[in-house]
Each structure stands twice: as C-alpha cells, then as structure tokens.
Amino acid sequence: PIRWWSSAVVLASCTAEAQPGATRLW
C-alpha cells in the first residue's frame, strides 16, 4: 500500500505479472 485513496480504498503498487521487474498502480 502507498496511501489511502479514499476512506475505503487503498492506492497500492503491485507486481505487473506479464512484465518482469515492472509494477502497476491499483
């Protein structure tokens, strides 16, 4: 988790499965 996007949603950085070494924000 990076920070709270809202009171019920988290901004997170996750591994990008199809691209080794890359990440994606969710």
mmCIF file of all heavy atoms, coordinates in Angstrom:
data_MODEL
# 
_entry.id   MODEL 
# 
loop_
_atom_site.group_PDB 
_atom_site.id 
_atom_site.type_symbol 
_atom_site.label_atom_id 
_atom_site.label_alt_id 
_atom_site.label_comp_id 
_atom_site.label_asym_id 
_atom_site.label_entity_id 
_atom_site.label_seq_id 
_atom_site.pdbx_PDB_ins_code 
_atom_site.Cartn_x 
_atom_site.Cartn_y 
_atom_site.Cartn_z 
_atom_site.occupancy 
_atom_site.B_iso_or_equiv 
_atom_site.pdbx_formal_charge 
_atom_site.auth_seq_id 
_atom_site.auth_comp_id 
_atom_site.auth_asym_id 
_atom_site.auth_atom_id 
_atom_site.pdbx_PDB_model_num 
ATOM 1   N N   . PRO A 1 1  ? 0.828   -1.208  0.000   1.00 0.00 ? 1  PRO A N   1 
ATOM 2   C CA  . PRO A 1 1  ? 0.000   0.000   0.000   1.00 0.00 ? 1  PRO A CA  1 
ATOM 3   C C   . PRO A 1 1  ? 0.863   1.259   0.000   1.00 0.00 ? 1  PRO A C   1 
ATOM 4   O O   . PRO A 1 1  ? 1.898   1.309   0.677   1.00 0.00 ? 1  PRO A O   1 
ATOM 5   C CB  . PRO A 1 1  ? -0.803  -0.129  1.291   1.00 0.00 ? 1  PRO A CB  1 
ATOM 6   C CG  . PRO A 1 1  ? 0.053   -0.960  2.194   1.00 0.00 ? 1  PRO A CG  1 
ATOM 7   C CD  . PRO A 1 1  ? 0.807   -1.904  1.294   1.00 0.00 ? 1  PRO A CD  1 
ATOM 8   N N   . ILE A 1 2  ? 0.445   2.263   -0.754  1.00 0.00 ? 2  ILE A N   1 
ATOM 9   C CA  . ILE A 1 2  ? 1.164   3.533   -0.818  1.00 0.00 ? 2  ILE A CA  1 
ATOM 10  C C   . ILE A 1 2  ? 0.490   4.571   0.066   1.00 0.00 ? 2  ILE A C   1 
ATOM 11  O O   . ILE A 1 2  ? 1.124   5.230   0.880   1.00 0.00 ? 2  ILE A O   1 
ATOM 12  C CB  . ILE A 1 2  ? 1.248   4.043   -2.266  1.00 0.00 ? 2  ILE A CB  1 
ATOM 13  C CG1 . ILE A 1 2  ? 2.036   3.062   -3.137  1.00 0.00 ? 2  ILE A CG1 1 
ATOM 14  C CG2 . ILE A 1 2  ? 1.882   5.426   -2.322  1.00 0.00 ? 2  ILE A CG2 1 
ATOM 15  C CD1 . ILE A 1 2  ? 2.063   3.439   -4.606  1.00 0.00 ? 2  ILE A CD1 1 
ATOM 16  N N   . ARG A 1 3  ? -0.829  4.735   -0.103  1.00 0.00 ? 3  ARG A N   1 
ATOM 17  C CA  . ARG A 1 3  ? -1.592  5.668   0.729   1.00 0.00 ? 3  ARG A CA  1 
ATOM 18  C C   . ARG A 1 3  ? -3.071  5.388   0.539   1.00 0.00 ? 3  ARG A C   1 
ATOM 19  O O   . ARG A 1 3  ? -3.467  4.608   -0.338  1.00 0.00 ? 3  ARG A O   1 
ATOM 20  C CB  . ARG A 1 3  ? -1.274  7.122   0.370   1.00 0.00 ? 3  ARG A CB  1 
ATOM 21  C CG  . ARG A 1 3  ? -1.718  7.557   -1.022  1.00 0.00 ? 3  ARG A CG  1 
ATOM 22  C CD  . ARG A 1 3  ? -1.352  9.011   -1.276  1.00 0.00 ? 3  ARG A CD  1 
ATOM 23  N NE  . ARG A 1 3  ? -1.881  9.487   -2.542  1.00 0.00 ? 3  ARG A NE  1 
ATOM 24  C CZ  . ARG A 1 3  ? -3.096  10.023  -2.706  1.00 0.00 ? 3  ARG A CZ  1 
ATOM 25  N NH1 . ARG A 1 3  ? -3.910  10.150  -1.662  1.00 0.00 ? 3  ARG A NH1 1 
ATOM 26  N NH2 . ARG A 1 3  ? -3.501  10.427  -3.892  1.00 0.00 ? 3  ARG A NH2 1 
ATOM 27  N N   . TRP A 1 4  ? -3.896  6.034   1.358   1.00 0.00 ? 4  TRP A N   1 
ATOM 28  C CA  . TRP A 1 4  ? -5.348  5.901   1.214   1.00 0.00 ? 4  TRP A CA  1 
ATOM 29  C C   . TRP A 1 4  ? -5.825  6.808   0.089   1.00 0.00 ? 4  TRP A C   1 
ATOM 30  O O   . TRP A 1 4  ? -5.558  8.012   0.089   1.00 0.00 ? 4  TRP A O   1 
ATOM 31  C CB  . TRP A 1 4  ? -6.052  6.258   2.525   1.00 0.00 ? 4  TRP A CB  1 
ATOM 32  C CG  . TRP A 1 4  ? -5.838  5.217   3.576   1.00 0.00 ? 4  TRP A CG  1 
ATOM 33  C CD1 . TRP A 1 4  ? -4.867  5.193   4.528   1.00 0.00 ? 4  TRP A CD1 1 
ATOM 34  C CD2 . TRP A 1 4  ? -6.612  4.022   3.752   1.00 0.00 ? 4  TRP A CD2 1 
ATOM 35  N NE1 . TRP A 1 4  ? -4.979  4.057   5.285   1.00 0.00 ? 4  TRP A NE1 1 
ATOM 36  C CE2 . TRP A 1 4  ? -6.042  3.323   4.839   1.00 0.00 ? 4  TRP A CE2 1 
ATOM 37  C CE3 . TRP A 1 4  ? -7.722  3.484   3.101   1.00 0.00 ? 4  TRP A CE3 1 
ATOM 38  C CZ2 . TRP A 1 4  ? -6.548  2.107   5.286   1.00 0.00 ? 4  TRP A CZ2 1 
ATOM 39  C CZ3 . TRP A 1 4  ? -8.228  2.279   3.549   1.00 0.00 ? 4  TRP A CZ3 1 
ATOM 40  C CH2 . TRP A 1 4  ? -7.648  1.595   4.624   1.00 0.00 ? 4  TRP A CH2 1 
ATOM 41  N N   . TRP A 1 5  ? -6.510  6.214   -0.878  1.00 0.00 ? 5  TRP A N   1 
ATOM 42  C CA  . TRP A 1 5  ? -7.095  6.977   -1.993  1.00 0.00 ? 5  TRP A CA  1 
ATOM 43  C C   . TRP A 1 5  ? -8.401  7.622   -1.544  1.00 0.00 ? 5  TRP A C   1 
ATOM 44  O O   . TRP A 1 5  ? -8.746  8.713   -1.951  1.00 0.00 ? 5  TRP A O   1 
ATOM 45  C CB  . TRP A 1 5  ? -7.333  6.032   -3.152  1.00 0.00 ? 5  TRP A CB  1 
ATOM 46  C CG  . TRP A 1 5  ? -7.687  6.675   -4.465  1.00 0.00 ? 5  TRP A CG  1 
ATOM 47  C CD1 . TRP A 1 5  ? -8.912  6.684   -5.058  1.00 0.00 ? 5  TRP A CD1 1 
ATOM 48  C CD2 . TRP A 1 5  ? -6.810  7.380   -5.353  1.00 0.00 ? 5  TRP A CD2 1 
ATOM 49  N NE1 . TRP A 1 5  ? -8.852  7.347   -6.263  1.00 0.00 ? 5  TRP A NE1 1 
ATOM 50  C CE2 . TRP A 1 5  ? -7.569  7.785   -6.465  1.00 0.00 ? 5  TRP A CE2 1 
ATOM 51  C CE3 . TRP A 1 5  ? -5.458  7.694   -5.309  1.00 0.00 ? 5  TRP A CE3 1 
ATOM 52  C CZ2 . TRP A 1 5  ? -7.014  8.499   -7.528  1.00 0.00 ? 5  TRP A CZ2 1 
ATOM 53  C CZ3 . TRP A 1 5  ? -4.907  8.406   -6.367  1.00 0.00 ? 5  TRP A CZ3 1 
ATOM 54  C CH2 . TRP A 1 5  ? -5.692  8.809   -7.454  1.00 0.00 ? 5  TRP A CH2 1 
ATOM 55  N N   . SER A 1 6  ? -9.137  6.901   -0.724  1.00 0.00 ? 6  SER A N   1 
ATOM 56  C CA  . SER A 1 6  ? -10.342 7.396   -0.063  1.00 0.00 ? 6  SER A CA  1 
ATOM 57  C C   . SER A 1 6  ? -10.436 6.673   1.274   1.00 0.00 ? 6  SER A C   1 
ATOM 58  O O   . SER A 1 6  ? -9.536  5.911   1.634   1.00 0.00 ? 6  SER A O   1 
ATOM 59  C CB  . SER A 1 6  ? -11.588 7.127   -0.922  1.00 0.00 ? 6  SER A CB  1 
ATOM 60  O OG  . SER A 1 6  ? -11.874 5.738   -0.970  1.00 0.00 ? 6  SER A OG  1 
ATOM 61  N N   . SER A 1 7  ? -11.515 6.884   2.005   1.00 0.00 ? 7  SER A N   1 
ATOM 62  C CA  . SER A 1 7  ? -11.630 6.258   3.318   1.00 0.00 ? 7  SER A CA  1 
ATOM 63  C C   . SER A 1 7  ? -11.778 4.746   3.236   1.00 0.00 ? 7  SER A C   1 
ATOM 64  O O   . SER A 1 7  ? -11.601 4.049   4.244   1.00 0.00 ? 7  SER A O   1 
ATOM 65  C CB  . SER A 1 7  ? -12.835 6.847   4.072   1.00 0.00 ? 7  SER A CB  1 
ATOM 66  O OG  . SER A 1 7  ? -14.035 6.599   3.357   1.00 0.00 ? 7  SER A OG  1 
ATOM 67  N N   . ALA A 1 8  ? -12.099 4.215   2.051   1.00 0.00 ? 8  ALA A N   1 
ATOM 68  C CA  . ALA A 1 8  ? -12.317 2.771   1.917   1.00 0.00 ? 8  ALA A CA  1 
ATOM 69  C C   . ALA A 1 8  ? -11.520 2.142   0.797   1.00 0.00 ? 8  ALA A C   1 
ATOM 70  O O   . ALA A 1 8  ? -11.700 0.965   0.498   1.00 0.00 ? 8  ALA A O   1 
ATOM 71  C CB  . ALA A 1 8  ? -13.804 2.500   1.693   1.00 0.00 ? 8  ALA A CB  1 
ATOM 72  N N   . VAL A 1 9  ? -10.626 2.903   0.160   1.00 0.00 ? 9  VAL A N   1 
ATOM 73  C CA  . VAL A 1 9  ? -9.858  2.402   -0.982  1.00 0.00 ? 9  VAL A CA  1 
ATOM 74  C C   . VAL A 1 9  ? -8.387  2.741   -0.794  1.00 0.00 ? 9  VAL A C   1 
ATOM 75  O O   . VAL A 1 9  ? -8.031  3.878   -0.458  1.00 0.00 ? 9  VAL A O   1 
ATOM 76  C CB  . VAL A 1 9  ? -10.368 3.007   -2.310  1.00 0.00 ? 9  VAL A CB  1 
ATOM 77  C CG1 . VAL A 1 9  ? -9.505  2.543   -3.477  1.00 0.00 ? 9  VAL A CG1 1 
ATOM 78  C CG2 . VAL A 1 9  ? -11.824 2.629   -2.545  1.00 0.00 ? 9  VAL A CG2 1 
ATOM 79  N N   . VAL A 1 10 ? -7.527  1.750   -1.026  1.00 0.00 ? 10 VAL A N   1 
ATOM 80  C CA  . VAL A 1 10 ? -6.088  1.912   -0.884  1.00 0.00 ? 10 VAL A CA  1 
ATOM 81  C C   . VAL A 1 10 ? -5.434  2.006   -2.265  1.00 0.00 ? 10 VAL A C   1 
ATOM 82  O O   . VAL A 1 10 ? -5.771  1.233   -3.172  1.00 0.00 ? 10 VAL A O   1 
ATOM 83  C CB  . VAL A 1 10 ? -5.476  0.721   -0.106  1.00 0.00 ? 10 VAL A CB  1 
ATOM 84  C CG1 . VAL A 1 10 ? -3.957  0.762   -0.154  1.00 0.00 ? 10 VAL A CG1 1 
ATOM 85  C CG2 . VAL A 1 10 ? -5.959  0.745   1.336   1.00 0.00 ? 10 VAL A CG2 1 
ATOM 86  N N   . LEU A 1 11 ? -4.522  2.954   -2.425  1.00 0.00 ? 11 LEU A N   1 
ATOM 87  C CA  . LEU A 1 11 ? -3.674  3.003   -3.606  1.00 0.00 ? 11 LEU A CA  1 
ATOM 88  C C   . LEU A 1 11 ? -2.484  2.086   -3.344  1.00 0.00 ? 11 LEU A C   1 
ATOM 89  O O   . LEU A 1 11 ? -1.766  2.259   -2.353  1.00 0.00 ? 11 LEU A O   1 
ATOM 90  C CB  . LEU A 1 11 ? -3.195  4.432   -3.861  1.00 0.00 ? 11 LEU A CB  1 
ATOM 91  C CG  . LEU A 1 11 ? -2.166  4.614   -4.982  1.00 0.00 ? 11 LEU A CG  1 
ATOM 92  C CD1 . LEU A 1 11 ? -2.776  4.320   -6.340  1.00 0.00 ? 11 LEU A CD1 1 
ATOM 93  C CD2 . LEU A 1 11 ? -1.578  6.019   -4.950  1.00 0.00 ? 11 LEU A CD2 1 
ATOM 94  N N   . ALA A 1 12 ? -2.295  1.101   -4.212  1.00 0.00 ? 12 ALA A N   1 
ATOM 95  C CA  . ALA A 1 12 ? -1.259  0.100   -3.993  1.00 0.00 ? 12 ALA A CA  1 
ATOM 96  C C   . ALA A 1 12 ? -0.393  -0.062  -5.228  1.00 0.00 ? 12 ALA A C   1 
ATOM 97  O O   . ALA A 1 12 ? -0.852  0.118   -6.362  1.00 0.00 ? 12 ALA A O   1 
ATOM 98  C CB  . ALA A 1 12 ? -1.887  -1.244  -3.622  1.00 0.00 ? 12 ALA A CB  1 
ATOM 99  N N   . SER A 1 13 ? 0.869   -0.410  -5.004  1.00 0.00 ? 13 SER A N   1 
ATOM 100 C CA  . SER A 1 13 ? 1.799   -0.741  -6.078  1.00 0.00 ? 13 SER A CA  1 
ATOM 101 C C   . SER A 1 13 ? 1.984   -2.246  -6.093  1.00 0.00 ? 13 SER A C   1 
ATOM 102 O O   . SER A 1 13 ? 2.395   -2.836  -5.085  1.00 0.00 ? 13 SER A O   1 
ATOM 103 C CB  . SER A 1 13 ? 3.146   -0.044  -5.861  1.00 0.00 ? 13 SER A CB  1 
ATOM 104 O OG  . SER A 1 13 ? 4.075   -0.425  -6.853  1.00 0.00 ? 13 SER A OG  1 
ATOM 105 N N   . CYS A 1 14 ? 1.677   -2.878  -7.235  1.00 0.00 ? 14 CYS A N   1 
ATOM 106 C CA  . CYS A 1 14 ? 1.724   -4.336  -7.337  1.00 0.00 ? 14 CYS A CA  1 
ATOM 107 C C   . CYS A 1 14 ? 2.611   -4.765  -8.500  1.00 0.00 ? 14 CYS A C   1 
ATOM 108 O O   . CYS A 1 14 ? 2.786   -4.030  -9.477  1.00 0.00 ? 14 CYS A O   1 
ATOM 109 C CB  . CYS A 1 14 ? 0.316   -4.899  -7.558  1.00 0.00 ? 14 CYS A CB  1 
ATOM 110 S SG  . CYS A 1 14 ? -0.880  -4.477  -6.255  1.00 0.00 ? 14 CYS A SG  1 
ATOM 111 N N   . THR A 1 15 ? 3.136   -5.958  -8.383  1.00 0.00 ? 15 THR A N   1 
ATOM 112 C CA  . THR A 1 15 ? 3.922   -6.534  -9.467  1.00 0.00 ? 15 THR A CA  1 
ATOM 113 C C   . THR A 1 15 ? 3.073   -6.647  -10.733 1.00 0.00 ? 15 THR A C   1 
ATOM 114 O O   . THR A 1 15 ? 1.896   -7.014  -10.666 1.00 0.00 ? 15 THR A O   1 
ATOM 115 C CB  . THR A 1 15 ? 4.428   -7.926  -9.060  1.00 0.00 ? 15 THR A CB  1 
ATOM 116 O OG1 . THR A 1 15 ? 5.331   -7.784  -7.961  1.00 0.00 ? 15 THR A OG1 1 
ATOM 117 C CG2 . THR A 1 15 ? 5.141   -8.610  -10.208 1.00 0.00 ? 15 THR A CG2 1 
ATOM 118 N N   . ALA A 1 16 ? 3.653   -6.301  -11.873 1.00 0.00 ? 16 ALA A N   1 
ATOM 119 C CA  . ALA A 1 16 ? 2.983   -6.484  -13.163 1.00 0.00 ? 16 ALA A CA  1 
ATOM 120 C C   . ALA A 1 16 ? 3.376   -7.853  -13.706 1.00 0.00 ? 16 ALA A C   1 
ATOM 121 O O   . ALA A 1 16 ? 4.505   -8.062  -14.139 1.00 0.00 ? 16 ALA A O   1 
ATOM 122 C CB  . ALA A 1 16 ? 3.375   -5.382  -14.134 1.00 0.00 ? 16 ALA A CB  1 
ATOM 123 N N   . GLU A 1 17 ? 2.440   -8.783  -13.663 1.00 0.00 ? 17 GLU A N   1 
ATOM 124 C CA  . GLU A 1 17 ? 2.747   -10.189 -13.901 1.00 0.00 ? 17 GLU A CA  1 
ATOM 125 C C   . GLU A 1 17 ? 3.394   -10.444 -15.249 1.00 0.00 ? 17 GLU A C   1 
ATOM 126 O O   . GLU A 1 17 ? 4.337   -11.223 -15.372 1.00 0.00 ? 17 GLU A O   1 
ATOM 127 C CB  . GLU A 1 17 ? 1.467   -11.013 -13.775 1.00 0.00 ? 17 GLU A CB  1 
ATOM 128 C CG  . GLU A 1 17 ? 1.675   -12.506 -13.774 1.00 0.00 ? 17 GLU A CG  1 
ATOM 129 C CD  . GLU A 1 17 ? 0.395   -13.236 -13.423 1.00 0.00 ? 17 GLU A CD  1 
ATOM 130 O OE1 . GLU A 1 17 ? -0.651  -12.921 -14.025 1.00 0.00 ? 17 GLU A OE1 1 
ATOM 131 O OE2 . GLU A 1 17 ? 0.443   -14.092 -12.531 1.00 0.00 ? 17 GLU A OE2 1 
ATOM 132 N N   . ALA A 1 18 ? 2.915   -9.794  -16.296 1.00 0.00 ? 18 ALA A N   1 
ATOM 133 C CA  . ALA A 1 18 ? 3.397   -10.087 -17.642 1.00 0.00 ? 18 ALA A CA  1 
ATOM 134 C C   . ALA A 1 18 ? 4.686   -9.355  -17.981 1.00 0.00 ? 18 ALA A C   1 
ATOM 135 O O   . ALA A 1 18 ? 5.252   -9.573  -19.053 1.00 0.00 ? 18 ALA A O   1 
ATOM 136 C CB  . ALA A 1 18 ? 2.320   -9.729  -18.663 1.00 0.00 ? 18 ALA A CB  1 
ATOM 137 N N   . GLN A 1 19 ? 5.156   -8.473  -17.084 1.00 0.00 ? 19 GLN A N   1 
ATOM 138 C CA  . GLN A 1 19 ? 6.352   -7.682  -17.372 1.00 0.00 ? 19 GLN A CA  1 
ATOM 139 C C   . GLN A 1 19 ? 7.302   -7.766  -16.183 1.00 0.00 ? 19 GLN A C   1 
ATOM 140 O O   . GLN A 1 19 ? 7.158   -7.009  -15.223 1.00 0.00 ? 19 GLN A O   1 
ATOM 141 C CB  . GLN A 1 19 ? 5.976   -6.224  -17.659 1.00 0.00 ? 19 GLN A CB  1 
ATOM 142 C CG  . GLN A 1 19 ? 5.052   -6.055  -18.859 1.00 0.00 ? 19 GLN A CG  1 
ATOM 143 C CD  . GLN A 1 19 ? 4.807   -4.600  -19.187 1.00 0.00 ? 19 GLN A CD  1 
ATOM 144 O OE1 . GLN A 1 19 ? 5.701   -3.773  -19.106 1.00 0.00 ? 19 GLN A OE1 1 
ATOM 145 N NE2 . GLN A 1 19 ? 3.578   -4.280  -19.550 1.00 0.00 ? 19 GLN A NE2 1 
ATOM 146 N N   . PRO A 1 20 ? 8.260   -8.683  -16.223 1.00 0.00 ? 20 PRO A N   1 
ATOM 147 C CA  . PRO A 1 20 ? 9.190   -8.850  -15.105 1.00 0.00 ? 20 PRO A CA  1 
ATOM 148 C C   . PRO A 1 20 ? 9.891   -7.543  -14.735 1.00 0.00 ? 20 PRO A C   1 
ATOM 149 O O   . PRO A 1 20 ? 10.390  -6.830  -15.604 1.00 0.00 ? 20 PRO A O   1 
ATOM 150 C CB  . PRO A 1 20 ? 10.198  -9.883  -15.634 1.00 0.00 ? 20 PRO A CB  1 
ATOM 151 C CG  . PRO A 1 20 ? 9.437   -10.625 -16.683 1.00 0.00 ? 20 PRO A CG  1 
ATOM 152 C CD  . PRO A 1 20 ? 8.516   -9.634  -17.315 1.00 0.00 ? 20 PRO A CD  1 
ATOM 153 N N   . GLY A 1 21 ? 9.890   -7.230  -13.456 1.00 0.00 ? 21 GLY A N   1 
ATOM 154 C CA  . GLY A 1 21 ? 10.541  -6.020  -12.985 1.00 0.00 ? 21 GLY A CA  1 
ATOM 155 C C   . GLY A 1 21 ? 9.664   -4.793  -12.987 1.00 0.00 ? 21 GLY A C   1 
ATOM 156 O O   . GLY A 1 21 ? 10.028  -3.767  -12.403 1.00 0.00 ? 21 GLY A O   1 
ATOM 157 N N   . ALA A 1 22 ? 8.504   -4.851  -13.646 1.00 0.00 ? 22 ALA A N   1 
ATOM 158 C CA  . ALA A 1 22 ? 7.607   -3.703  -13.724 1.00 0.00 ? 22 ALA A CA  1 
ATOM 159 C C   . ALA A 1 22 ? 6.556   -3.771  -12.620 1.00 0.00 ? 22 ALA A C   1 
ATOM 160 O O   . ALA A 1 22 ? 6.309   -4.822  -12.034 1.00 0.00 ? 22 ALA A O   1 
ATOM 161 C CB  . ALA A 1 22 ? 6.927   -3.645  -15.087 1.00 0.00 ? 22 ALA A CB  1 
ATOM 162 N N   . THR A 1 23 ? 5.938   -2.634  -12.337 1.00 0.00 ? 23 THR A N   1 
ATOM 163 C CA  . THR A 1 23 ? 4.867   -2.557  -11.346 1.00 0.00 ? 23 THR A CA  1 
ATOM 164 C C   . THR A 1 23 ? 3.668   -1.828  -11.946 1.00 0.00 ? 23 THR A C   1 
ATOM 165 O O   . THR A 1 23 ? 3.758   -1.216  -13.016 1.00 0.00 ? 23 THR A O   1 
ATOM 166 C CB  . THR A 1 23 ? 5.327   -1.823  -10.077 1.00 0.00 ? 23 THR A CB  1 
ATOM 167 O OG1 . THR A 1 23 ? 5.727   -0.483  -10.424 1.00 0.00 ? 23 THR A OG1 1 
ATOM 168 C CG2 . THR A 1 23 ? 6.490   -2.549  -9.406  1.00 0.00 ? 23 THR A CG2 1 
ATOM 169 N N   . ARG A 1 24 ? 2.558   -1.892  -11.234 1.00 0.00 ? 24 ARG A N   1 
ATOM 170 C CA  . ARG A 1 24 ? 1.330   -1.237  -11.690 1.00 0.00 ? 24 ARG A CA  1 
ATOM 171 C C   . ARG A 1 24 ? 0.583   -0.699  -10.479 1.00 0.00 ? 24 ARG A C   1 
ATOM 172 O O   . ARG A 1 24 ? 0.550   -1.351  -9.421  1.00 0.00 ? 24 ARG A O   1 
ATOM 173 C CB  . ARG A 1 24 ? 0.454   -2.241  -12.442 1.00 0.00 ? 24 ARG A CB  1 
ATOM 174 C CG  . ARG A 1 24 ? -0.728  -1.628  -13.188 1.00 0.00 ? 24 ARG A CG  1 
ATOM 175 C CD  . ARG A 1 24 ? -1.473  -2.693  -13.967 1.00 0.00 ? 24 ARG A CD  1 
ATOM 176 N NE  . ARG A 1 24 ? -2.434  -2.117  -14.892 1.00 0.00 ? 24 ARG A NE  1 
ATOM 177 C CZ  . ARG A 1 24 ? -3.254  -2.813  -15.686 1.00 0.00 ? 24 ARG A CZ  1 
ATOM 178 N NH1 . ARG A 1 24 ? -3.206  -4.144  -15.650 1.00 0.00 ? 24 ARG A NH1 1 
ATOM 179 N NH2 . ARG A 1 24 ? -4.083  -2.212  -16.509 1.00 0.00 ? 24 ARG A NH2 1 
ATOM 180 N N   . LEU A 1 25 ? -0.004  0.475   -10.597 1.00 0.00 ? 25 LEU A N   1 
ATOM 181 C CA  . LEU A 1 25 ? -0.793  1.047   -9.517  1.00 0.00 ? 25 LEU A CA  1 
ATOM 182 C C   . LEU A 1 25 ? -2.242  0.581   -9.618  1.00 0.00 ? 25 LEU A C   1 
ATOM 183 O O   . LEU A 1 25 ? -2.834  0.599   -10.701 1.00 0.00 ? 25 LEU A O   1 
ATOM 184 C CB  . LEU A 1 25 ? -0.733  2.572   -9.544  1.00 0.00 ? 25 LEU A CB  1 
ATOM 185 C CG  . LEU A 1 25 ? 0.639   3.219   -9.354  1.00 0.00 ? 25 LEU A CG  1 
ATOM 186 C CD1 . LEU A 1 25 ? 0.509   4.734   -9.286  1.00 0.00 ? 25 LEU A CD1 1 
ATOM 187 C CD2 . LEU A 1 25 ? 1.341   2.689   -8.117  1.00 0.00 ? 25 LEU A CD2 1 
ATOM 188 N N   . TRP A 1 26 ? -2.785  0.169   -8.468  1.00 0.00 ? 26 TRP A N   1 
ATOM 189 C CA  . TRP A 1 26 ? -4.161  -0.314  -8.374  1.00 0.00 ? 26 TRP A CA  1 
ATOM 190 C C   . TRP A 1 26 ? -4.913  0.439   -7.285  1.00 0.00 ? 26 TRP A C   1 
ATOM 191 O O   . TRP A 1 26 ? -4.317  0.891   -6.304  1.00 0.00 ? 26 TRP A O   1 
ATOM 192 C CB  . TRP A 1 26 ? -4.176  -1.807  -8.028  1.00 0.00 ? 26 TRP A CB  1 
ATOM 193 C CG  . TRP A 1 26 ? -3.726  -2.731  -9.110  1.00 0.00 ? 26 TRP A CG  1 
ATOM 194 C CD1 . TRP A 1 26 ? -2.437  -2.982  -9.510  1.00 0.00 ? 26 TRP A CD1 1 
ATOM 195 C CD2 . TRP A 1 26 ? -4.556  -3.550  -9.943  1.00 0.00 ? 26 TRP A CD2 1 
ATOM 196 N NE1 . TRP A 1 26 ? -2.411  -3.887  -10.526 1.00 0.00 ? 26 TRP A NE1 1 
ATOM 197 C CE2 . TRP A 1 26 ? -3.703  -4.269  -10.815 1.00 0.00 ? 26 TRP A CE2 1 
ATOM 198 C CE3 . TRP A 1 26 ? -5.935  -3.763  -10.020 1.00 0.00 ? 26 TRP A CE3 1 
ATOM 199 C CZ2 . TRP A 1 26 ? -4.177  -5.164  -11.763 1.00 0.00 ? 26 TRP A CZ2 1 
ATOM 200 C CZ3 . TRP A 1 26 ? -6.421  -4.650  -10.961 1.00 0.00 ? 26 TRP A CZ3 1 
ATOM 201 C CH2 . TRP A 1 26 ? -5.551  -5.344  -11.821 1.00 0.00 ? 26 TRP A CH2 1 
# 
